[in-house]
Protein backbone atom coordinates (compact mmCIF):
# COMPACT_ATOMS: atom_id res chain seq x y z
CA MET A 1 -0.02 0.01 -0.06
CA SER A 2 1.43 3.33 -1.02
CA LYS A 3 2.24 6.07 1.57
CA LEU A 4 -0.27 8.36 -0.06
CA ARG A 5 -3.10 5.73 0.04
CA ARG A 6 -2.28 5.01 3.70
CA THR A 7 -2.42 8.69 4.65
CA ALA A 8 -5.79 9.10 2.92
CA ILE A 9 -7.29 6.03 4.85
CA ILE A 10 -5.93 7.44 8.24
CA ALA A 11 -7.26 10.95 7.55
CA SER A 12 -10.72 9.55 6.62
CA ALA A 13 -10.85 7.46 9.87
CA LEU A 14 -9.90 10.48 11.97
CA LEU A 15 -12.53 12.59 10.42
CA SER A 16 -15.20 10.02 11.06
CA LEU A 17 -14.41 10.34 14.74
CA GLN A 18 -14.87 13.99 15.06
CA PRO A 19 -17.90 15.09 17.13
CA LEU A 20 -20.40 17.42 15.68
CA ALA A 21 -19.71 21.04 16.57
CA PHE A 22 -23.40 21.82 16.56
CA ALA A 23 -26.19 19.38 17.45
CA ASP A 24 -29.72 19.81 16.16
CA GLN A 25 -32.73 17.69 17.08
CA SER A 26 -35.46 17.29 14.51
CA VAL A 27 -34.36 20.29 12.55
CA ASP A 28 -36.96 21.84 10.26
CA ILE A 29 -35.46 23.88 7.50
CA ASP A 30 -37.87 23.21 4.68
CA GLY A 31 -41.16 24.06 6.36
CA THR A 32 -42.14 20.54 7.64
CA LEU A 33 -44.46 20.87 10.60
CA ASN A 34 -44.13 19.41 14.05
CA LYS A 35 -40.31 19.67 14.09
CA VAL A 36 -38.06 21.06 16.79
CA THR A 37 -34.78 22.95 16.53
CA ILE A 38 -32.64 23.48 19.60
CA ILE A 39 -29.73 25.83 19.62
CA GLY A 40 -27.80 25.95 22.85
CA SER A 41 -24.83 28.23 22.44
CA SER A 42 -24.54 31.35 24.57
CA ASN A 43 -22.86 32.91 21.53
CA THR A 44 -25.76 32.23 19.21
CA SER A 45 -27.21 35.27 17.64
CA ALA A 46 -30.70 34.34 17.33
CA LYS A 47 -31.69 37.35 15.31
CA GLY A 48 -29.04 36.62 12.65
CA LEU A 49 -29.86 32.96 12.66
CA LEU A 50 -33.58 33.15 12.55
CA ASN A 51 -33.40 36.07 10.04
CA GLU A 52 -32.22 33.40 7.52
CA ALA A 53 -34.66 30.73 8.38
CA ASP A 54 -37.90 31.49 6.59
CA THR A 55 -39.53 28.39 8.08
CA ASN A 56 -41.23 26.95 11.13
CA ILE A 57 -39.08 26.67 14.26
CA GLY A 58 -39.91 24.60 17.30
CA VAL A 59 -37.66 25.39 20.26
CA VAL A 60 -34.66 27.68 20.56
CA SER A 61 -32.97 27.54 23.99
CA SER A 62 -30.26 29.76 25.65
CA THR A 63 -29.84 31.95 22.78
CA THR A 64 -28.39 35.50 22.54
CA ILE A 65 -30.15 38.37 20.83
CA ARG A 66 -28.04 41.49 20.09
CA GLY A 67 -25.19 40.26 22.22
CA ARG A 68 -27.02 39.52 25.53
CA THR A 69 -26.29 36.14 27.04
CA ASN A 70 -28.46 33.76 29.02
CA GLN A 71 -31.52 34.69 27.16
CA THR A 72 -34.08 32.14 26.07
CA VAL A 73 -36.52 32.18 23.26
CA ILE A 74 -39.05 29.37 22.97
CA VAL A 75 -41.44 29.24 20.05
CA GLY A 76 -43.73 26.29 20.30
CA ASN A 77 -46.37 26.46 17.53
CA ASN A 78 -45.73 24.78 14.26
CA ALA A 79 -47.29 27.64 12.40
CA THR A 80 -44.93 30.18 13.96
CA ILE A 81 -42.51 31.95 11.68
CA ALA A 82 -39.92 33.05 14.20
CA SER A 83 -38.01 34.92 11.46
CA SER A 84 -40.59 37.60 11.08
CA TRP A 85 -41.01 37.96 14.86
CA LEU A 86 -37.29 38.26 15.83
CA THR A 87 -36.37 40.35 12.80
CA ASP A 88 -38.87 43.04 13.90
CA ALA A 89 -38.01 43.01 17.45
CA ASN A 90 -35.06 45.31 18.05
CA THR A 91 -34.61 44.25 21.64
CA ASP A 92 -33.68 41.39 23.93
CA ILE A 93 -36.36 38.74 24.50
CA GLY A 94 -36.68 36.65 27.57
CA THR A 95 -39.06 33.80 26.75
CA ILE A 96 -41.61 33.19 24.17
CA ARG A 97 -43.84 30.15 24.57
CA ASN A 98 -46.53 28.60 22.22
CA SER A 99 -46.65 31.86 20.21
CA THR A 100 -48.68 32.40 17.06
CA LEU A 101 -47.73 34.79 14.28
CA ASN A 102 -50.27 33.54 11.78
CA GLY A 103 -53.49 33.87 13.73
CA THR A 104 -53.78 30.57 15.26
CA THR A 105 -55.83 30.86 18.58
CA ASN A 106 -55.42 29.61 22.07
CA GLN A 107 -51.64 30.40 22.15
CA THR A 108 -49.54 32.07 24.70
CA VAL A 109 -46.72 34.52 24.45
CA ILE A 110 -44.49 35.30 27.51
CA VAL A 111 -41.78 38.04 27.31
CA GLY A 112 -39.73 38.05 30.45
CA ASN A 113 -36.61 40.22 30.15
CA ASN A 114 -36.38 43.57 31.70
CA LEU A 115 -34.88 44.97 28.52
CA THR A 116 -37.75 43.87 26.32
CA ARG A 117 -39.73 46.62 24.69
CA ALA A 118 -43.19 45.08 24.44
CA ARG A 119 -44.35 48.12 22.50
CA SER A 120 -42.04 47.60 19.59
CA ILE A 121 -42.84 43.89 19.62
CA GLY A 122 -46.58 44.41 19.66
CA ALA A 123 -46.32 47.11 16.99
CA ASP A 124 -44.40 44.93 14.68
CA ALA A 125 -46.22 41.64 15.23
CA LYS A 126 -49.29 41.73 13.11
CA THR A 127 -50.88 38.83 14.96
CA LYS A 128 -53.05 37.79 18.00
CA ILE A 129 -51.07 37.48 21.23
CA GLY A 130 -52.30 35.40 24.23
CA THR A 131 -50.30 36.35 27.31
CA ILE A 132 -47.37 38.60 27.98
CA GLU A 133 -45.92 38.69 31.51
CA ASN A 134 -43.21 40.86 33.01
CA SER A 135 -42.66 42.87 29.90
CA THR A 136 -41.22 46.24 29.64
CA ILE A 137 -42.46 49.26 27.64
CA ASN A 138 -40.00 52.22 26.99
CA GLY A 139 -37.26 50.81 29.40
CA ARG A 140 -39.43 50.35 32.51
CA PHE A 141 -39.27 46.87 34.01
CA ASP A 142 -41.13 44.80 36.73
CA GLN A 143 -44.33 45.50 35.09
CA THR A 144 -46.88 42.93 33.95
CA ILE A 145 -49.08 42.77 30.99
CA VAL A 146 -51.64 39.97 30.58
CA VAL A 147 -53.69 39.76 27.41
CA GLY A 148 -55.90 36.76 27.64
CA ASN A 149 -58.47 36.68 24.84
CA VAL A 150 -57.76 34.91 21.67
CA VAL A 151 -59.34 37.70 19.56
CA THR A 152 -57.09 40.44 21.06
CA ASP A 153 -54.81 42.16 18.58
CA ALA A 154 -52.12 43.23 20.74
CA ARG A 155 -50.57 45.19 17.92
CA HIS A 156 -53.09 47.95 18.31
CA TRP A 157 -52.55 48.10 22.03
CA PHE A 158 -48.85 48.31 22.06
CA LYS A 159 -48.66 50.57 19.17
CA SER A 160 -50.67 53.19 21.15
CA ALA A 161 -48.86 52.73 24.50
CA THR A 162 -46.25 55.24 25.18
CA THR A 163 -45.47 54.42 28.77
CA CYS A 164 -45.23 51.49 31.18
CA ILE A 165 -48.27 49.40 31.89
CA GLY A 166 -49.26 47.57 35.06
CA THR A 167 -51.63 44.67 34.39
CA ILE A 168 -54.24 43.83 31.81
CA ARG A 169 -56.32 40.77 32.48
CA GLY A 170 -58.86 39.11 30.29
CA GLN A 171 -58.73 41.82 27.64
CA ASN A 172 -61.35 41.52 25.02
CA MET A 173 -61.27 43.91 21.93
CA GLY A 174 -63.92 42.08 20.02
CA SER A 175 -66.77 40.60 22.00
CA GLY A 176 -68.10 40.77 25.44
CA GLY A 177 -67.86 39.46 28.94
CA GLN A 178 -64.19 40.20 29.56
CA ALA A 179 -62.41 42.36 32.01
CA VAL A 180 -59.60 44.80 31.43
CA GLY A 181 -57.36 46.14 34.22
CA VAL A 182 -54.51 48.61 33.78
CA GLY A 183 -52.42 49.42 36.87
CA ASN A 184 -50.49 52.57 36.04
CA VAL A 185 -52.10 55.94 36.30
CA SER A 186 -49.69 57.50 33.69
CA THR A 187 -50.70 55.02 31.00
CA ARG A 188 -51.67 56.77 27.70
CA THR A 189 -53.21 55.30 24.61
CA LYS A 190 -54.57 56.60 21.35
CA SER A 191 -58.00 55.22 22.13
CA GLY A 192 -58.37 57.54 25.13
CA ARG A 193 -59.21 56.93 28.80
CA ALA A 194 -60.54 53.46 28.75
CA PHE A 195 -57.23 52.06 29.99
CA GLY A 196 -56.03 52.89 33.46
CA ILE A 197 -57.78 56.17 33.91
CA SER A 198 -61.43 55.15 34.12
CA THR A 199 -63.62 52.03 33.70
CA GLY A 200 -64.33 52.30 29.94
CA SER A 201 -65.03 49.59 27.55
CA ILE A 202 -63.25 48.27 24.48
CA GLY A 203 -65.43 46.13 22.40
CA ALA A 204 -69.06 45.22 22.03
CA LYS A 205 -70.35 44.33 25.45
CA SER A 206 -66.85 44.41 26.93
CA ARG A 207 -66.31 45.21 30.56
CA SER A 208 -63.28 47.11 31.79
CA THR A 209 -61.98 47.16 35.43
CA HIS A 210 -59.32 49.51 36.61
CA ILE A 211 -56.71 47.81 38.95
CA ALA A 212 -54.44 50.01 40.93
CA SER A 213 -50.89 48.78 40.84
CA ASN A 214 -47.25 49.88 41.15
CA GLY A 215 -46.46 53.08 39.35
CA CYS A 216 -43.67 54.02 37.03
């Protein structure tokens, strides 16, 4: 056996023993549903990565957005296009669970990092949002927003908000029987005084309840 042939065989064997530098589980790149992608490096730029992936993404763990480490983004719906979400959000995101960007109902969104600008996320995401907890608007943190109705278009809410918001529970912007509570007296919206200032209403037969909370 020639020396060159021997070297080629050894090199091939060594390469076959190399561990994978990046492990994916059930990766979905071509739009197949019910797949999961896990990215676990603290150096991962989720924005740059997901910006390229115009497809459905299951789970992304321990990622970094805009250089911040120890952040987590979890997108759990097979109809979610995480690319359009994270591309529009110029901020750090804590956690997103079971979110929907294409109108699927009964989903939940949780944003939990104190640098998160829920206003910009809501303004850019043209979709229905279930729940947002411990979010931040305009740099204020330790606030809580809960939007609990499947017909709520959070985009209209966050686009109007110019200050931090305390709590919204059971919001219904379409049909009745829901309660709305906003816990900050300095809250302002385009739609007027229904939020946080008085007990107005938002949709047909909708009930609104003012809940006093911590201020900004």
